[in-house]
Amino acid sequence: MDKERIILIGGGGHCKVVIDAVRLSGEYEIEGIIDPGLEPGSDVMGVPVLGGDEILAEVYNKGVKNAFIAVGSVGDCTIRKAIHKKIKGVGFNVPVIRHPETVVANDVELGEGSFVAASVTINTGTKIGENVIINTSSSIDHDCQIGDFAHISPGTILSGEVRIGDSSHIGAKSVVNQVISIGEECIIGSGSVVTRDIPSGSKAFGSPCKIRGRVNEG
């Protein structure tokens, strides 16, 4: 039986991780990459660059009904949100991409367009929003809630019943203690230990975590 075809939006470093996961999962055939910053006819890991956003409708009308956002996010989800709106407007289905070497409890809810990288563990009762990145070797304990467009960086540990707000970025190898809530549009620095709630719009760093300003202060 033929695999469904999928295009990837964005051809940078995160795209390579997505390509690897798609290939290993065997669920989709990658048609190509859409990226206005790359030369059409070039390739990323053997996947051809088809062109820019202007050909999205053409690709869809040729029968490719799946698209996935392969653009990473480091503290700013604006681009990912814009891409999501655009591809949904064309009519694309935006599936979950999950590396086969993950441990995800049967009752975990994975939102549309989310990415679960290699060696991730997600325990029972957890709910993941739309277009969330759960990056390599992260550990998400029971009954966590992660909002839309959040980014959980490599090696992060979320203890039980943690809440992460929409569009927040949790830096690499951070630890968030149990029953902690982190608001929307926060940036938690790499290696941080979060021992208390963090209000929306905060930049927080260190061990224990200290707030050093608001995201919207520029």
N, C-alpha and C. Protein backbone atom coordinates (compact mmCIF):
# COMPACT_ATOMS: atom_id res chain seq x y z
N MET A 1 0.83 -1.20 0.00
CA MET A 1 0.00 0.00 0.00
C MET A 1 0.87 1.25 0.00
N ASP A 2 0.53 2.22 -0.88
CA ASP A 2 1.32 3.44 -0.99
C ASP A 2 1.16 4.30 0.27
N LYS A 3 2.27 4.94 0.68
CA LYS A 3 2.22 5.85 1.81
C LYS A 3 1.59 7.18 1.40
N GLU A 4 0.97 7.85 2.36
CA GLU A 4 0.54 9.21 2.13
C GLU A 4 1.76 10.11 1.99
N ARG A 5 1.62 11.13 1.14
CA ARG A 5 2.72 12.06 0.93
C ARG A 5 2.61 13.27 1.85
N ILE A 6 3.76 13.85 2.16
CA ILE A 6 3.82 15.00 3.06
C ILE A 6 4.89 15.96 2.58
N ILE A 7 4.64 17.25 2.77
CA ILE A 7 5.68 18.24 2.54
C ILE A 7 6.10 18.81 3.89
N LEU A 8 7.35 19.25 3.96
CA LEU A 8 7.90 19.87 5.16
C LEU A 8 8.10 21.36 4.89
N ILE A 9 7.71 22.17 5.85
CA ILE A 9 7.83 23.62 5.70
C ILE A 9 9.03 24.10 6.50
N GLY A 10 10.06 24.55 5.80
CA GLY A 10 11.30 24.98 6.44
C GLY A 10 12.38 23.94 6.28
N GLY A 11 13.57 24.40 5.86
CA GLY A 11 14.65 23.46 5.56
C GLY A 11 15.90 23.66 6.40
N GLY A 12 15.77 24.20 7.60
CA GLY A 12 16.92 24.44 8.46
C GLY A 12 17.30 23.23 9.29
N GLY A 13 17.99 23.49 10.42
CA GLY A 13 18.50 22.39 11.24
C GLY A 13 17.41 21.50 11.80
N HIS A 14 16.31 22.11 12.29
CA HIS A 14 15.23 21.30 12.86
C HIS A 14 14.62 20.39 11.81
N CYS A 15 14.61 20.84 10.56
CA CYS A 15 14.07 20.02 9.47
C CYS A 15 14.79 18.68 9.38
N LYS A 16 16.10 18.68 9.61
CA LYS A 16 16.86 17.43 9.52
C LYS A 16 16.38 16.43 10.56
N VAL A 17 16.07 16.92 11.76
CA VAL A 17 15.57 16.05 12.82
C VAL A 17 14.20 15.48 12.43
N VAL A 18 13.36 16.33 11.83
CA VAL A 18 12.04 15.89 11.39
C VAL A 18 12.16 14.85 10.27
N ILE A 19 13.03 15.10 9.31
CA ILE A 19 13.23 14.14 8.21
C ILE A 19 13.61 12.77 8.76
N ASP A 20 14.53 12.76 9.70
CA ASP A 20 14.97 11.49 10.29
C ASP A 20 13.80 10.77 10.95
N ALA A 21 12.99 11.50 11.70
CA ALA A 21 11.84 10.89 12.39
C ALA A 21 10.82 10.35 11.40
N VAL A 22 10.53 11.12 10.35
CA VAL A 22 9.56 10.67 9.35
C VAL A 22 10.05 9.41 8.66
N ARG A 23 11.30 9.40 8.28
CA ARG A 23 11.84 8.22 7.59
C ARG A 23 11.81 6.98 8.47
N LEU A 24 12.19 7.14 9.72
CA LEU A 24 12.24 5.98 10.62
C LEU A 24 10.84 5.49 10.99
N SER A 25 9.89 6.41 11.08
CA SER A 25 8.53 5.99 11.43
C SER A 25 7.86 5.26 10.27
N GLY A 26 8.24 5.60 9.05
CA GLY A 26 7.69 4.92 7.89
C GLY A 26 6.25 5.28 7.57
N GLU A 27 5.71 6.33 8.18
CA GLU A 27 4.30 6.65 7.98
C GLU A 27 4.03 7.46 6.72
N TYR A 28 5.01 8.26 6.30
CA TYR A 28 4.78 9.17 5.17
C TYR A 28 5.94 9.10 4.18
N GLU A 29 5.62 9.45 2.95
CA GLU A 29 6.63 9.67 1.92
C GLU A 29 6.82 11.18 1.79
N ILE A 30 8.05 11.66 2.00
CA ILE A 30 8.31 13.09 1.95
C ILE A 30 8.41 13.55 0.50
N GLU A 31 7.47 14.38 0.11
CA GLU A 31 7.42 14.90 -1.26
C GLU A 31 8.51 15.93 -1.51
N GLY A 32 8.75 16.76 -0.53
CA GLY A 32 9.76 17.81 -0.69
C GLY A 32 9.64 18.83 0.41
N ILE A 33 10.44 19.89 0.28
CA ILE A 33 10.53 20.95 1.29
C ILE A 33 10.10 22.27 0.66
N ILE A 34 9.32 23.03 1.41
CA ILE A 34 8.96 24.39 1.02
C ILE A 34 9.76 25.36 1.89
N ASP A 35 10.59 26.17 1.25
CA ASP A 35 11.40 27.14 2.00
C ASP A 35 11.83 28.24 1.03
N PRO A 36 11.29 29.46 1.19
CA PRO A 36 11.64 30.54 0.26
C PRO A 36 13.10 30.96 0.35
N GLY A 37 13.79 30.55 1.41
CA GLY A 37 15.19 30.91 1.57
C GLY A 37 16.17 29.94 0.95
N LEU A 38 15.67 28.85 0.38
CA LEU A 38 16.53 27.84 -0.23
C LEU A 38 16.29 27.78 -1.74
N GLU A 39 17.31 27.39 -2.47
CA GLU A 39 17.24 27.33 -3.93
C GLU A 39 16.42 26.13 -4.37
N PRO A 40 15.37 26.34 -5.16
CA PRO A 40 14.62 25.19 -5.70
C PRO A 40 15.55 24.25 -6.47
N GLY A 41 15.40 22.97 -6.24
CA GLY A 41 16.28 21.99 -6.87
C GLY A 41 17.42 21.55 -5.98
N SER A 42 17.72 22.32 -4.93
CA SER A 42 18.70 21.86 -3.94
C SER A 42 18.03 20.82 -3.06
N ASP A 43 18.75 20.31 -2.07
CA ASP A 43 18.14 19.30 -1.22
C ASP A 43 18.66 19.40 0.21
N VAL A 44 17.89 18.83 1.12
CA VAL A 44 18.27 18.69 2.52
C VAL A 44 18.17 17.21 2.86
N MET A 45 19.30 16.57 3.13
CA MET A 45 19.35 15.13 3.42
C MET A 45 18.66 14.31 2.32
N GLY A 46 18.84 14.76 1.08
CA GLY A 46 18.27 14.05 -0.05
C GLY A 46 16.83 14.38 -0.36
N VAL A 47 16.21 15.26 0.43
CA VAL A 47 14.83 15.68 0.17
C VAL A 47 14.86 16.96 -0.67
N PRO A 48 14.20 16.99 -1.83
CA PRO A 48 14.32 18.15 -2.71
C PRO A 48 13.59 19.38 -2.19
N VAL A 49 14.17 20.54 -2.46
CA VAL A 49 13.50 21.81 -2.17
C VAL A 49 12.63 22.14 -3.37
N LEU A 50 11.33 22.30 -3.13
CA LEU A 50 10.37 22.50 -4.22
C LEU A 50 10.18 23.95 -4.58
N GLY A 51 10.35 24.84 -3.62
CA GLY A 51 10.12 26.26 -3.85
C GLY A 51 9.66 26.93 -2.59
N GLY A 52 9.01 28.11 -2.78
CA GLY A 52 8.54 28.89 -1.64
C GLY A 52 7.04 28.76 -1.42
N ASP A 53 6.52 29.64 -0.57
CA ASP A 53 5.12 29.56 -0.18
C ASP A 53 4.16 29.68 -1.36
N GLU A 54 4.62 30.32 -2.42
CA GLU A 54 3.72 30.57 -3.56
C GLU A 54 3.26 29.29 -4.25
N ILE A 55 3.92 28.16 -4.00
CA ILE A 55 3.53 26.91 -4.66
C ILE A 55 2.74 25.98 -3.74
N LEU A 56 2.39 26.45 -2.54
CA LEU A 56 1.66 25.58 -1.61
C LEU A 56 0.36 25.06 -2.21
N ALA A 57 -0.45 25.96 -2.79
CA ALA A 57 -1.73 25.54 -3.36
C ALA A 57 -1.52 24.57 -4.53
N GLU A 58 -0.50 24.82 -5.31
CA GLU A 58 -0.19 23.93 -6.45
C GLU A 58 0.16 22.53 -5.96
N VAL A 59 0.98 22.45 -4.92
CA VAL A 59 1.35 21.15 -4.37
C VAL A 59 0.13 20.42 -3.82
N TYR A 60 -0.72 21.17 -3.12
CA TYR A 60 -1.94 20.58 -2.56
C TYR A 60 -2.84 20.04 -3.68
N ASN A 61 -3.00 20.82 -4.73
CA ASN A 61 -3.87 20.42 -5.84
C ASN A 61 -3.33 19.23 -6.62
N LYS A 62 -2.04 18.95 -6.46
CA LYS A 62 -1.44 17.77 -7.08
C LYS A 62 -1.60 16.52 -6.23
N GLY A 63 -2.27 16.66 -5.08
CA GLY A 63 -2.60 15.47 -4.29
C GLY A 63 -1.80 15.28 -3.02
N VAL A 64 -0.92 16.22 -2.69
CA VAL A 64 -0.19 16.14 -1.42
C VAL A 64 -1.04 16.85 -0.37
N LYS A 65 -1.65 16.10 0.53
CA LYS A 65 -2.63 16.66 1.46
C LYS A 65 -2.08 16.88 2.86
N ASN A 66 -0.83 16.50 3.11
CA ASN A 66 -0.24 16.63 4.45
C ASN A 66 0.93 17.61 4.41
N ALA A 67 1.01 18.46 5.44
CA ALA A 67 2.14 19.38 5.58
C ALA A 67 2.54 19.41 7.05
N PHE A 68 3.83 19.60 7.27
CA PHE A 68 4.34 19.65 8.65
C PHE A 68 5.33 20.78 8.78
N ILE A 69 5.23 21.53 9.89
CA ILE A 69 6.11 22.67 10.13
C ILE A 69 7.44 22.16 10.68
N ALA A 70 8.49 22.29 9.89
CA ALA A 70 9.82 21.83 10.29
C ALA A 70 10.73 22.99 10.65
N VAL A 71 10.12 24.10 11.07
CA VAL A 71 10.84 25.27 11.56
C VAL A 71 10.88 25.18 13.08
N GLY A 72 12.05 25.31 13.66
CA GLY A 72 12.17 25.30 15.11
C GLY A 72 11.75 26.64 15.69
N SER A 73 11.80 26.75 17.01
CA SER A 73 11.47 28.03 17.65
C SER A 73 12.35 28.18 18.89
N VAL A 74 12.96 29.35 19.01
CA VAL A 74 13.76 29.64 20.19
C VAL A 74 13.23 30.95 20.78
N GLY A 75 12.18 30.81 21.61
CA GLY A 75 11.63 31.97 22.29
C GLY A 75 10.71 32.83 21.45
N ASP A 76 10.48 32.48 20.19
CA ASP A 76 9.58 33.27 19.35
C ASP A 76 8.82 32.33 18.43
N CYS A 77 7.53 32.22 18.64
CA CYS A 77 6.70 31.29 17.87
C CYS A 77 5.96 31.98 16.73
N THR A 78 6.27 33.26 16.46
CA THR A 78 5.54 34.03 15.46
C THR A 78 5.56 33.35 14.10
N ILE A 79 6.74 32.88 13.67
CA ILE A 79 6.86 32.27 12.35
C ILE A 79 6.06 30.98 12.29
N ARG A 80 6.17 30.14 13.31
CA ARG A 80 5.44 28.88 13.31
C ARG A 80 3.92 29.12 13.29
N LYS A 81 3.46 30.12 14.02
CA LYS A 81 2.03 30.42 14.02
C LYS A 81 1.56 30.88 12.64
N ALA A 82 2.35 31.72 11.99
CA ALA A 82 1.99 32.22 10.66
C ALA A 82 1.96 31.08 9.64
N ILE A 83 2.94 30.18 9.72
CA ILE A 83 2.97 29.04 8.81
C ILE A 83 1.75 28.15 9.03
N HIS A 84 1.43 27.90 10.31
CA HIS A 84 0.28 27.05 10.62
C HIS A 84 -1.00 27.62 10.02
N LYS A 85 -1.20 28.91 10.18
CA LYS A 85 -2.40 29.55 9.62
C LYS A 85 -2.44 29.42 8.11
N LYS A 86 -1.28 29.59 7.48
CA LYS A 86 -1.23 29.55 6.02
C LYS A 86 -1.52 28.15 5.48
N ILE A 87 -0.90 27.13 6.04
CA ILE A 87 -1.09 25.79 5.49
C ILE A 87 -2.49 25.25 5.79
N LYS A 88 -3.06 25.64 6.93
CA LYS A 88 -4.43 25.25 7.21
C LYS A 88 -5.39 25.96 6.26
N GLY A 89 -5.06 27.20 5.90
CA GLY A 89 -5.89 27.93 4.95
C GLY A 89 -5.91 27.30 3.58
N VAL A 90 -4.79 26.71 3.18
CA VAL A 90 -4.74 26.00 1.90
C VAL A 90 -5.57 24.72 1.95
N GLY A 91 -5.65 24.11 3.13
CA GLY A 91 -6.42 22.89 3.29
C GLY A 91 -5.63 21.69 3.75
N PHE A 92 -4.34 21.87 3.99
CA PHE A 92 -3.48 20.76 4.39
C PHE A 92 -3.90 20.17 5.74
N ASN A 93 -3.77 18.87 5.86
CA ASN A 93 -3.79 18.18 7.14
C ASN A 93 -2.42 18.35 7.78
N VAL A 94 -2.40 18.60 9.10
CA VAL A 94 -1.13 18.79 9.81
C VAL A 94 -1.02 17.67 10.86
N PRO A 95 -0.33 16.59 10.55
CA PRO A 95 -0.31 15.43 11.45
C PRO A 95 0.67 15.60 12.61
N VAL A 96 0.60 14.69 13.54
CA VAL A 96 1.63 14.54 14.57
C VAL A 96 2.77 13.73 13.96
N ILE A 97 4.01 14.15 14.19
CA ILE A 97 5.19 13.37 13.81
C ILE A 97 5.88 12.91 15.08
N ARG A 98 6.06 11.61 15.18
CA ARG A 98 6.63 11.01 16.39
C ARG A 98 7.74 10.04 16.01
N HIS A 99 8.91 10.28 16.52
CA HIS A 99 10.03 9.36 16.31
C HIS A 99 9.67 8.00 16.90
N PRO A 100 10.00 6.90 16.22
CA PRO A 100 9.61 5.59 16.74
C PRO A 100 10.29 5.21 18.06
N GLU A 101 11.41 5.84 18.38
CA GLU A 101 12.10 5.51 19.63
C GLU A 101 11.67 6.48 20.73
N THR A 102 10.37 6.46 21.05
CA THR A 102 9.80 7.24 22.14
C THR A 102 8.97 6.31 23.01
N VAL A 103 8.72 6.76 24.24
CA VAL A 103 7.81 6.04 25.14
C VAL A 103 6.69 7.00 25.49
N VAL A 104 5.50 6.76 24.96
CA VAL A 104 4.36 7.65 25.16
C VAL A 104 3.19 6.81 25.66
N ALA A 105 2.66 7.17 26.83
CA ALA A 105 1.54 6.42 27.41
C ALA A 105 0.33 6.46 26.47
N ASN A 106 -0.49 5.41 26.54
CA ASN A 106 -1.60 5.27 25.61
C ASN A 106 -2.63 6.38 25.70
N ASP A 107 -2.77 7.00 26.87
CA ASP A 107 -3.80 8.02 27.03
C ASP A 107 -3.29 9.44 26.83
N VAL A 108 -2.04 9.59 26.42
CA VAL A 108 -1.49 10.93 26.17
C VAL A 108 -2.17 11.54 24.95
N GLU A 109 -2.55 12.80 25.06
CA GLU A 109 -3.16 13.53 23.95
C GLU A 109 -2.10 14.39 23.27
N LEU A 110 -1.89 14.14 21.98
CA LEU A 110 -0.91 14.89 21.20
C LEU A 110 -1.65 15.77 20.21
N GLY A 111 -1.51 17.09 20.35
CA GLY A 111 -2.22 18.03 19.51
C GLY A 111 -1.72 18.05 18.08
N GLU A 112 -2.56 18.54 17.20
CA GLU A 112 -2.27 18.64 15.78
C GLU A 112 -0.92 19.31 15.53
N GLY A 113 -0.11 18.67 14.68
CA GLY A 113 1.15 19.27 14.28
C GLY A 113 2.27 19.20 15.28
N SER A 114 2.08 18.44 16.37
CA SER A 114 3.14 18.33 17.37
C SER A 114 4.25 17.40 16.90
N PHE A 115 5.44 17.62 17.44
CA PHE A 115 6.61 16.82 17.10
C PHE A 115 7.20 16.22 18.37
N VAL A 116 7.38 14.90 18.36
CA VAL A 116 7.97 14.19 19.49
C VAL A 116 9.26 13.54 19.00
N ALA A 117 10.39 14.02 19.49
CA ALA A 117 11.70 13.59 19.00
C ALA A 117 12.17 12.30 19.67
N ALA A 118 13.34 11.84 19.26
CA ALA A 118 13.89 10.58 19.75
C ALA A 118 14.13 10.61 21.25
N SER A 119 13.92 9.44 21.88
CA SER A 119 14.24 9.22 23.30
C SER A 119 13.41 10.06 24.26
N VAL A 120 12.25 10.51 23.82
CA VAL A 120 11.34 11.25 24.69
C VAL A 120 10.45 10.27 25.45
N THR A 121 10.17 10.59 26.71
CA THR A 121 9.20 9.84 27.51
C THR A 121 8.08 10.78 27.92
N ILE A 122 6.82 10.38 27.67
CA ILE A 122 5.66 11.15 28.10
C ILE A 122 4.74 10.22 28.86
N ASN A 123 4.51 10.52 30.12
CA ASN A 123 3.75 9.63 30.99
C ASN A 123 2.25 9.93 30.97
N THR A 124 1.51 9.05 31.61
CA THR A 124 0.06 9.02 31.55
C THR A 124 -0.59 10.33 31.99
N GLY A 125 -1.74 10.62 31.37
CA GLY A 125 -2.53 11.78 31.75
C GLY A 125 -2.08 13.11 31.18
N THR A 126 -1.04 13.11 30.38
CA THR A 126 -0.48 14.36 29.86
C THR A 126 -1.21 14.80 28.59
N LYS A 127 -1.39 16.11 28.44
CA LYS A 127 -2.03 16.68 27.27
C LYS A 127 -1.08 17.68 26.61
N ILE A 128 -0.83 17.46 25.33
CA ILE A 128 0.08 18.29 24.55
C ILE A 128 -0.75 19.08 23.55
N GLY A 129 -0.53 20.39 23.47
CA GLY A 129 -1.30 21.24 22.57
C GLY A 129 -0.86 21.14 21.11
N GLU A 130 -1.36 22.06 20.29
CA GLU A 130 -1.05 22.08 18.87
C GLU A 130 0.36 22.61 18.62
N ASN A 131 1.03 22.01 17.64
CA ASN A 131 2.33 22.48 17.16
C ASN A 131 3.36 22.65 18.27
N VAL A 132 3.35 21.73 19.20
CA VAL A 132 4.34 21.71 20.27
C VAL A 132 5.56 20.92 19.81
N ILE A 133 6.74 21.38 20.17
CA ILE A 133 7.97 20.62 19.94
C ILE A 133 8.41 20.01 21.27
N ILE A 134 8.46 18.67 21.32
CA ILE A 134 9.02 17.97 22.47
C ILE A 134 10.35 17.40 21.99
N ASN A 135 11.44 18.04 22.34
CA ASN A 135 12.70 17.72 21.71
C ASN A 135 13.45 16.57 22.40
N THR A 136 14.55 16.18 21.80
CA THR A 136 15.27 14.95 22.10
C THR A 136 15.54 14.75 23.59
N SER A 137 15.23 13.53 24.06
CA SER A 137 15.55 13.08 25.42
C SER A 137 14.84 13.85 26.53
N SER A 138 13.75 14.53 26.20
CA SER A 138 12.96 15.17 27.24
C SER A 138 12.14 14.13 27.99
N SER A 139 11.79 14.46 29.24
CA SER A 139 10.98 13.56 30.07
C SER A 139 9.81 14.36 30.62
N ILE A 140 8.60 13.94 30.25
CA ILE A 140 7.37 14.62 30.68
C ILE A 140 6.62 13.65 31.58
N ASP A 141 6.47 14.01 32.85
CA ASP A 141 5.85 13.09 33.81
C ASP A 141 4.32 13.16 33.72
N HIS A 142 3.66 12.48 34.62
CA HIS A 142 2.21 12.30 34.55
C HIS A 142 1.44 13.61 34.69
N ASP A 143 0.31 13.69 33.99
CA ASP A 143 -0.69 14.75 34.15
C ASP A 143 -0.17 16.15 33.89
N CYS A 144 0.81 16.27 33.02
CA CYS A 144 1.26 17.60 32.61
C CYS A 144 0.34 18.17 31.52
N GLN A 145 0.33 19.48 31.38
CA GLN A 145 -0.39 20.15 30.31
C GLN A 145 0.54 21.15 29.64
N ILE A 146 0.70 21.01 28.33
CA ILE A 146 1.61 21.87 27.58
C ILE A 146 0.80 22.59 26.51
N GLY A 147 0.84 23.92 26.52
CA GLY A 147 0.01 24.72 25.63
C GLY A 147 0.51 24.75 24.20
N ASP A 148 -0.32 25.30 23.32
CA ASP A 148 -0.03 25.38 21.89
C ASP A 148 1.28 26.13 21.63
N PHE A 149 2.03 25.64 20.66
CA PHE A 149 3.25 26.27 20.15
C PHE A 149 4.37 26.37 21.18
N ALA A 150 4.26 25.64 22.28
CA ALA A 150 5.35 25.60 23.24
C ALA A 150 6.51 24.77 22.68
N HIS A 151 7.70 25.03 23.22
CA HIS A 151 8.90 24.30 22.79
C HIS A 151 9.61 23.78 24.04
N ILE A 152 9.67 22.46 24.15
CA ILE A 152 10.38 21.81 25.24
C ILE A 152 11.72 21.33 24.69
N SER A 153 12.79 21.97 25.10
CA SER A 153 14.11 21.74 24.49
C SER A 153 14.73 20.42 24.96
N PRO A 154 15.81 19.98 24.27
CA PRO A 154 16.43 18.68 24.58
C PRO A 154 16.83 18.54 26.05
N GLY A 155 16.55 17.36 26.59
CA GLY A 155 16.99 17.01 27.94
C GLY A 155 16.19 17.63 29.06
N THR A 156 15.07 18.28 28.75
CA THR A 156 14.26 18.92 29.78
C THR A 156 13.47 17.88 30.59
N ILE A 157 13.29 18.16 31.87
CA ILE A 157 12.50 17.29 32.74
C ILE A 157 11.33 18.10 33.30
N LEU A 158 10.11 17.65 33.01
CA LEU A 158 8.92 18.22 33.63
C LEU A 158 8.39 17.19 34.61
N SER A 159 8.32 17.55 35.88
CA SER A 159 7.78 16.65 36.90
C SER A 159 6.25 16.61 36.79
N GLY A 160 5.61 15.84 37.67
CA GLY A 160 4.18 15.62 37.56
C GLY A 160 3.35 16.89 37.70
N GLU A 161 2.29 16.96 36.90
CA GLU A 161 1.27 18.01 36.97
C GLU A 161 1.81 19.41 36.70
N VAL A 162 2.83 19.50 35.90
CA VAL A 162 3.37 20.80 35.48
C VAL A 162 2.46 21.39 34.40
N ARG A 163 2.31 22.70 34.40
CA ARG A 163 1.54 23.41 33.39
C ARG A 163 2.47 24.38 32.65
N ILE A 164 2.48 24.26 31.32
CA ILE A 164 3.28 25.15 30.47
C ILE A 164 2.32 25.91 29.57
N GLY A 165 2.37 27.24 29.59
CA GLY A 165 1.45 28.04 28.80
C GLY A 165 1.80 28.09 27.33
N ASP A 166 0.86 28.59 26.53
CA ASP A 166 1.05 28.72 25.09
C ASP A 166 2.32 29.53 24.77
N SER A 167 3.03 29.07 23.74
CA SER A 167 4.16 29.80 23.16
C SER A 167 5.34 30.00 24.09
N SER A 168 5.44 29.20 25.15
CA SER A 168 6.59 29.30 26.04
C SER A 168 7.71 28.39 25.58
N HIS A 169 8.94 28.82 25.86
CA HIS A 169 10.14 28.07 25.47
C HIS A 169 10.88 27.65 26.74
N ILE A 170 11.06 26.34 26.88
CA ILE A 170 11.77 25.80 28.05
C ILE A 170 13.15 25.34 27.59
N GLY A 171 14.20 25.99 28.08
CA GLY A 171 15.55 25.76 27.59
C GLY A 171 16.10 24.38 27.90
N ALA A 172 17.13 24.00 27.18
CA ALA A 172 17.72 22.67 27.27
C ALA A 172 18.15 22.31 28.69
N LYS A 173 17.86 21.08 29.07
CA LYS A 173 18.24 20.51 30.36
C LYS A 173 17.69 21.30 31.55
N SER A 174 16.57 21.94 31.36
CA SER A 174 15.89 22.57 32.48
C SER A 174 15.11 21.53 33.27
N VAL A 175 14.84 21.84 34.53
CA VAL A 175 14.03 20.98 35.39
C VAL A 175 12.90 21.83 35.97
N VAL A 176 11.67 21.35 35.81
CA VAL A 176 10.52 22.05 36.37
C VAL A 176 9.91 21.13 37.43
N ASN A 177 9.90 21.60 38.67
CA ASN A 177 9.39 20.78 39.77
C ASN A 177 7.89 20.54 39.67
N GLN A 178 7.43 19.55 40.42
CA GLN A 178 6.04 19.12 40.33
C GLN A 178 5.06 20.25 40.69
N VAL A 179 3.92 20.23 39.99
CA VAL A 179 2.78 21.13 40.22
C VAL A 179 3.13 22.60 40.00
N ILE A 180 4.17 22.86 39.23
CA ILE A 180 4.56 24.24 38.90
C ILE A 180 3.81 24.67 37.63
N SER A 181 3.41 25.94 37.58
CA SER A 181 2.79 26.51 36.40
C SER A 181 3.70 27.59 35.81
N ILE A 182 3.94 27.48 34.50
CA ILE A 182 4.69 28.49 33.76
C ILE A 182 3.70 29.13 32.78
N GLY A 183 3.62 30.45 32.78
CA GLY A 183 2.62 31.14 31.99
C GLY A 183 2.90 31.12 30.49
N GLU A 184 2.15 31.92 29.77
CA GLU A 184 2.28 32.02 28.32
C GLU A 184 3.47 32.91 27.94
N GLU A 185 4.07 32.59 26.79
CA GLU A 185 5.13 33.40 26.19
C GLU A 185 6.28 33.66 27.15
N CYS A 186 6.64 32.65 27.91
CA CYS A 186 7.81 32.74 28.80
C CYS A 186 9.03 32.14 28.11
N ILE A 187 10.20 32.58 28.53
CA ILE A 187 11.46 31.97 28.13
C ILE A 187 12.17 31.53 29.39
N ILE A 188 12.40 30.22 29.51
CA ILE A 188 13.12 29.65 30.64
C ILE A 188 14.51 29.25 30.14
N GLY A 189 15.54 29.86 30.69
CA GLY A 189 16.90 29.64 30.21
C GLY A 189 17.38 28.21 30.39
N SER A 190 18.30 27.80 29.54
CA SER A 190 18.87 26.45 29.60
C SER A 190 19.47 26.17 30.97
N GLY A 191 19.25 24.96 31.47
CA GLY A 191 19.81 24.55 32.74
C GLY A 191 19.12 25.11 33.96
N SER A 192 17.97 25.75 33.78
CA SER A 192 17.25 26.34 34.90
C SER A 192 16.57 25.28 35.76
N VAL A 193 16.38 25.59 37.02
CA VAL A 193 15.58 24.76 37.93
C VAL A 193 14.42 25.62 38.41
N VAL A 194 13.21 25.24 38.00
CA VAL A 194 12.03 26.05 38.29
C VAL A 194 11.33 25.46 39.51
N THR A 195 11.33 26.23 40.60
CA THR A 195 10.78 25.74 41.87
C THR A 195 9.54 26.51 42.30
N ARG A 196 9.12 27.48 41.50
CA ARG A 196 7.91 28.24 41.82
C ARG A 196 7.24 28.67 40.52
N ASP A 197 5.99 29.07 40.60
CA ASP A 197 5.25 29.48 39.41
C ASP A 197 5.92 30.69 38.74
N ILE A 198 5.84 30.70 37.41
CA ILE A 198 6.43 31.79 36.62
C ILE A 198 5.29 32.49 35.87
N PRO A 199 5.11 33.81 36.05
CA PRO A 199 4.00 34.51 35.39
C PRO A 199 4.24 34.66 33.89
N SER A 200 3.15 34.82 33.16
CA SER A 200 3.21 34.98 31.70
C SER A 200 4.13 36.13 31.31
N GLY A 201 4.84 35.95 30.20
CA GLY A 201 5.69 37.00 29.66
C GLY A 201 7.03 37.16 30.33
N SER A 202 7.43 36.19 31.17
CA SER A 202 8.68 36.32 31.91
C SER A 202 9.85 35.68 31.19
N LYS A 203 11.04 36.24 31.43
CA LYS A 203 12.29 35.58 31.11
C LYS A 203 12.89 35.14 32.44
N ALA A 204 13.17 33.86 32.57
CA ALA A 204 13.64 33.35 33.85
C ALA A 204 14.84 32.44 33.62
N PHE A 205 15.83 32.56 34.49
CA PHE A 205 17.09 31.84 34.31
C PHE A 205 17.62 31.40 35.67
N GLY A 206 18.44 30.36 35.66
CA GLY A 206 19.25 30.03 36.82
C GLY A 206 18.73 28.89 37.66
N SER A 207 19.44 28.66 38.74
CA SER A 207 19.12 27.57 39.67
C SER A 207 19.27 28.08 41.10
N PRO A 208 18.15 28.38 41.82
CA PRO A 208 16.76 28.30 41.33
C PRO A 208 16.45 29.43 40.35
N CYS A 209 15.34 29.29 39.64
CA CYS A 209 15.00 30.21 38.57
C CYS A 209 14.73 31.61 39.10
N LYS A 210 15.32 32.63 38.46
CA LYS A 210 15.08 34.02 38.82
C LYS A 210 14.57 34.76 37.60
N ILE A 211 13.54 35.58 37.81
CA ILE A 211 12.97 36.36 36.72
C ILE A 211 13.84 37.60 36.48
N ARG A 212 14.19 37.83 35.19
CA ARG A 212 15.07 38.96 34.85
C ARG A 212 14.40 39.94 33.89
N GLY A 213 13.10 39.88 33.77
CA GLY A 213 12.43 40.81 32.87
C GLY A 213 11.30 40.15 32.13
N ARG A 214 10.62 40.91 31.31
CA ARG A 214 9.49 40.42 30.55
C ARG A 214 9.88 40.25 29.09
N VAL A 215 9.27 39.25 28.46
CA VAL A 215 9.56 38.98 27.06
C VAL A 215 9.26 40.20 26.20
N ASN A 216 8.15 40.91 26.49
CA ASN A 216 7.73 42.01 25.64
C ASN A 216 8.44 43.32 25.92
N GLU A 217 9.47 43.29 26.75
CA GLU A 217 10.25 44.50 26.98
C GLU A 217 11.28 44.76 25.89
N GLY A 218 11.45 43.76 24.99
CA GLY A 218 12.40 43.92 23.89
C GLY A 218 13.78 43.50 24.29
